[in-house]
Amino acid sequence: MKEVLEVIAKSLVDNPDQVDIREVSGEDQTVTLELRVAESDMGKVIGKQGRIAKAIRTVVKAAAAKENKKAAVDII
């Protein structure tokens, strides 16, 4: 899941070296992935009306479901 998010995020931004993903394990086997990007790249990751962010979350949830886990993405 983390690798999928990293590939997606790095392909969207202008500064791929500033992409940082932290994995935080929560209760009931939910994994939260905290995505940090450069301030200038926030709009590219979020998209108009949050459409890109929603698509990223959908893909990560699908990857997690394949591994019988739950995942959430926080864009910080």
N, C-alpha and C. Protein backbone atom coordinates (compact mmCIF):
# COMPACT_ATOMS: atom_id res chain seq x y z
N MET A 1 0.83 -1.19 0.00
CA MET A 1 0.00 0.00 0.00
C MET A 1 0.87 1.25 0.00
N LYS A 2 1.88 1.23 0.84
CA LYS A 2 2.76 2.39 0.92
C LYS A 2 3.47 2.63 -0.41
N GLU A 3 3.88 1.55 -1.06
CA GLU A 3 4.58 1.66 -2.33
C GLU A 3 3.66 2.21 -3.41
N VAL A 4 2.41 1.77 -3.40
CA VAL A 4 1.43 2.26 -4.38
C VAL A 4 1.23 3.76 -4.21
N LEU A 5 1.06 4.19 -2.98
CA LEU A 5 0.86 5.62 -2.70
C LEU A 5 2.09 6.43 -3.11
N GLU A 6 3.27 5.88 -2.86
CA GLU A 6 4.50 6.59 -3.20
C GLU A 6 4.63 6.78 -4.71
N VAL A 7 4.34 5.74 -5.48
CA VAL A 7 4.43 5.84 -6.94
C VAL A 7 3.44 6.87 -7.48
N ILE A 8 2.22 6.83 -6.97
CA ILE A 8 1.20 7.78 -7.42
C ILE A 8 1.60 9.21 -7.08
N ALA A 9 2.00 9.43 -5.84
CA ALA A 9 2.33 10.79 -5.38
C ALA A 9 3.54 11.35 -6.14
N LYS A 10 4.56 10.54 -6.31
CA LYS A 10 5.77 11.04 -6.99
C LYS A 10 5.51 11.34 -8.46
N SER A 11 4.55 10.65 -9.06
CA SER A 11 4.26 10.93 -10.47
C SER A 11 3.43 12.21 -10.63
N LEU A 12 2.78 12.67 -9.58
CA LEU A 12 1.93 13.85 -9.66
C LEU A 12 2.66 15.16 -9.38
N VAL A 13 3.67 15.12 -8.55
CA VAL A 13 4.28 16.36 -8.05
C VAL A 13 5.49 16.80 -8.87
N ASP A 14 5.88 18.07 -8.67
CA ASP A 14 7.07 18.62 -9.32
C ASP A 14 8.34 18.31 -8.52
N ASN A 15 8.19 18.09 -7.23
CA ASN A 15 9.33 17.80 -6.35
C ASN A 15 9.20 16.40 -5.75
N PRO A 16 9.48 15.36 -6.52
CA PRO A 16 9.28 14.00 -6.00
C PRO A 16 10.21 13.64 -4.85
N ASP A 17 11.33 14.35 -4.71
CA ASP A 17 12.24 14.07 -3.61
C ASP A 17 11.70 14.54 -2.27
N GLN A 18 10.67 15.38 -2.28
CA GLN A 18 10.07 15.87 -1.03
C GLN A 18 8.82 15.10 -0.62
N VAL A 19 8.52 14.03 -1.33
CA VAL A 19 7.39 13.18 -0.96
C VAL A 19 7.81 12.30 0.21
N ASP A 20 7.03 12.35 1.28
CA ASP A 20 7.33 11.56 2.47
C ASP A 20 6.04 10.86 2.91
N ILE A 21 6.13 9.57 3.13
CA ILE A 21 4.96 8.79 3.55
C ILE A 21 5.31 8.08 4.84
N ARG A 22 4.45 8.29 5.83
CA ARG A 22 4.64 7.64 7.13
C ARG A 22 3.46 6.72 7.38
N GLU A 23 3.75 5.52 7.81
CA GLU A 23 2.71 4.52 8.05
C GLU A 23 2.44 4.45 9.55
N VAL A 24 1.19 4.68 9.93
CA VAL A 24 0.79 4.66 11.33
C VAL A 24 -0.26 3.57 11.51
N SER A 25 0.05 2.59 12.35
CA SER A 25 -0.91 1.52 12.61
C SER A 25 -1.89 1.98 13.67
N GLY A 26 -3.15 1.76 13.39
CA GLY A 26 -4.18 2.17 14.32
C GLY A 26 -4.89 0.97 14.90
N GLU A 27 -6.01 1.26 15.53
CA GLU A 27 -6.81 0.19 16.10
C GLU A 27 -7.49 -0.60 15.00
N ASP A 28 -8.00 -1.75 15.35
CA ASP A 28 -8.75 -2.67 14.47
C ASP A 28 -8.12 -2.82 13.08
N GLN A 29 -6.80 -2.99 13.05
CA GLN A 29 -6.03 -3.27 11.83
C GLN A 29 -6.19 -2.21 10.74
N THR A 30 -6.45 -0.99 11.13
CA THR A 30 -6.50 0.11 10.16
C THR A 30 -5.13 0.76 10.08
N VAL A 31 -4.63 0.90 8.87
CA VAL A 31 -3.34 1.53 8.65
C VAL A 31 -3.59 2.92 8.06
N THR A 32 -3.02 3.94 8.69
CA THR A 32 -3.14 5.30 8.19
C THR A 32 -1.82 5.68 7.54
N LEU A 33 -1.90 6.10 6.29
CA LEU A 33 -0.72 6.55 5.57
C LEU A 33 -0.75 8.06 5.52
N GLU A 34 0.26 8.70 6.11
CA GLU A 34 0.34 10.15 6.13
C GLU A 34 1.24 10.59 4.98
N LEU A 35 0.67 11.31 4.04
CA LEU A 35 1.38 11.76 2.85
C LEU A 35 1.77 13.22 3.03
N ARG A 36 3.06 13.49 2.94
CA ARG A 36 3.56 14.86 3.02
C ARG A 36 4.24 15.20 1.70
N VAL A 37 3.87 16.35 1.15
CA VAL A 37 4.49 16.83 -0.09
C VAL A 37 4.90 18.28 0.12
N ALA A 38 5.64 18.81 -0.84
CA ALA A 38 6.04 20.22 -0.77
C ALA A 38 4.80 21.11 -0.82
N GLU A 39 4.89 22.24 -0.17
CA GLU A 39 3.75 23.18 -0.12
C GLU A 39 3.26 23.55 -1.51
N SER A 40 4.18 23.70 -2.44
CA SER A 40 3.79 24.08 -3.80
C SER A 40 3.11 22.95 -4.56
N ASP A 41 3.22 21.74 -4.08
CA ASP A 41 2.62 20.58 -4.75
C ASP A 41 1.28 20.15 -4.14
N MET A 42 0.85 20.80 -3.10
CA MET A 42 -0.40 20.40 -2.43
C MET A 42 -1.59 20.41 -3.38
N GLY A 43 -1.69 21.42 -4.20
CA GLY A 43 -2.82 21.52 -5.13
C GLY A 43 -2.83 20.40 -6.14
N LYS A 44 -1.66 19.95 -6.54
CA LYS A 44 -1.58 18.86 -7.52
C LYS A 44 -2.02 17.54 -6.91
N VAL A 45 -1.76 17.34 -5.64
CA VAL A 45 -2.13 16.10 -4.98
C VAL A 45 -3.61 16.10 -4.59
N ILE A 46 -4.13 17.26 -4.24
CA ILE A 46 -5.53 17.35 -3.83
C ILE A 46 -6.45 17.46 -5.04
N GLY A 47 -6.10 18.28 -6.01
CA GLY A 47 -6.91 18.41 -7.22
C GLY A 47 -8.11 19.31 -7.02
N LYS A 48 -8.78 19.61 -8.13
CA LYS A 48 -9.98 20.46 -8.06
C LYS A 48 -11.07 19.73 -7.29
N GLN A 49 -11.58 20.40 -6.29
CA GLN A 49 -12.65 19.88 -5.44
C GLN A 49 -12.27 18.54 -4.80
N GLY A 50 -10.97 18.29 -4.65
CA GLY A 50 -10.52 17.08 -3.97
C GLY A 50 -10.64 15.81 -4.78
N ARG A 51 -10.80 15.93 -6.08
CA ARG A 51 -11.03 14.74 -6.91
C ARG A 51 -9.82 13.82 -6.96
N ILE A 52 -8.63 14.38 -7.08
CA ILE A 52 -7.42 13.55 -7.15
C ILE A 52 -7.18 12.87 -5.81
N ALA A 53 -7.38 13.60 -4.71
CA ALA A 53 -7.21 13.02 -3.38
C ALA A 53 -8.19 11.87 -3.18
N LYS A 54 -9.40 12.05 -3.63
CA LYS A 54 -10.41 10.99 -3.50
C LYS A 54 -10.00 9.76 -4.32
N ALA A 55 -9.48 9.99 -5.52
CA ALA A 55 -9.04 8.88 -6.37
C ALA A 55 -7.85 8.14 -5.74
N ILE A 56 -6.92 8.89 -5.16
CA ILE A 56 -5.77 8.27 -4.48
C ILE A 56 -6.26 7.39 -3.34
N ARG A 57 -7.19 7.92 -2.55
CA ARG A 57 -7.71 7.15 -1.42
C ARG A 57 -8.41 5.87 -1.90
N THR A 58 -9.13 5.96 -3.01
CA THR A 58 -9.83 4.80 -3.55
C THR A 58 -8.84 3.71 -3.98
N VAL A 59 -7.78 4.11 -4.66
CA VAL A 59 -6.78 3.14 -5.12
C VAL A 59 -6.08 2.48 -3.93
N VAL A 60 -5.72 3.27 -2.92
CA VAL A 60 -5.04 2.73 -1.74
C VAL A 60 -5.98 1.78 -0.98
N LYS A 61 -7.24 2.14 -0.86
CA LYS A 61 -8.19 1.25 -0.19
C LYS A 61 -8.35 -0.06 -0.94
N ALA A 62 -8.34 0.00 -2.27
CA ALA A 62 -8.43 -1.22 -3.07
C ALA A 62 -7.19 -2.10 -2.87
N ALA A 63 -6.01 -1.48 -2.82
CA ALA A 63 -4.78 -2.23 -2.58
C ALA A 63 -4.79 -2.86 -1.19
N ALA A 64 -5.33 -2.14 -0.22
CA ALA A 64 -5.42 -2.67 1.14
C ALA A 64 -6.42 -3.83 1.22
N ALA A 65 -7.53 -3.69 0.52
CA ALA A 65 -8.54 -4.75 0.54
C ALA A 65 -7.98 -6.04 -0.04
N LYS A 66 -7.09 -5.92 -1.00
CA LYS A 66 -6.46 -7.09 -1.60
C LYS A 66 -5.63 -7.85 -0.57
N GLU A 67 -5.11 -7.12 0.43
CA GLU A 67 -4.31 -7.72 1.50
C GLU A 67 -5.14 -7.96 2.76
N ASN A 68 -6.46 -7.85 2.64
CA ASN A 68 -7.39 -8.03 3.77
C ASN A 68 -7.09 -7.06 4.91
N LYS A 69 -6.81 -5.81 4.57
CA LYS A 69 -6.55 -4.77 5.56
C LYS A 69 -7.42 -3.56 5.24
N LYS A 70 -7.42 -2.61 6.16
CA LYS A 70 -8.12 -1.34 5.94
C LYS A 70 -7.07 -0.24 5.93
N ALA A 71 -7.26 0.73 5.05
CA ALA A 71 -6.27 1.80 4.96
C ALA A 71 -6.96 3.14 4.79
N ALA A 72 -6.29 4.16 5.28
CA ALA A 72 -6.77 5.55 5.12
C ALA A 72 -5.56 6.39 4.73
N VAL A 73 -5.80 7.43 3.94
CA VAL A 73 -4.73 8.33 3.52
C VAL A 73 -5.02 9.72 4.05
N ASP A 74 -4.05 10.29 4.78
CA ASP A 74 -4.13 11.66 5.24
C ASP A 74 -3.09 12.47 4.49
N ILE A 75 -3.54 13.55 3.85
CA ILE A 75 -2.61 14.42 3.13
C ILE A 75 -2.29 15.59 4.04
N ILE A 76 -1.03 15.69 4.41
CA ILE A 76 -0.61 16.70 5.38
C ILE A 76 0.27 17.73 4.70
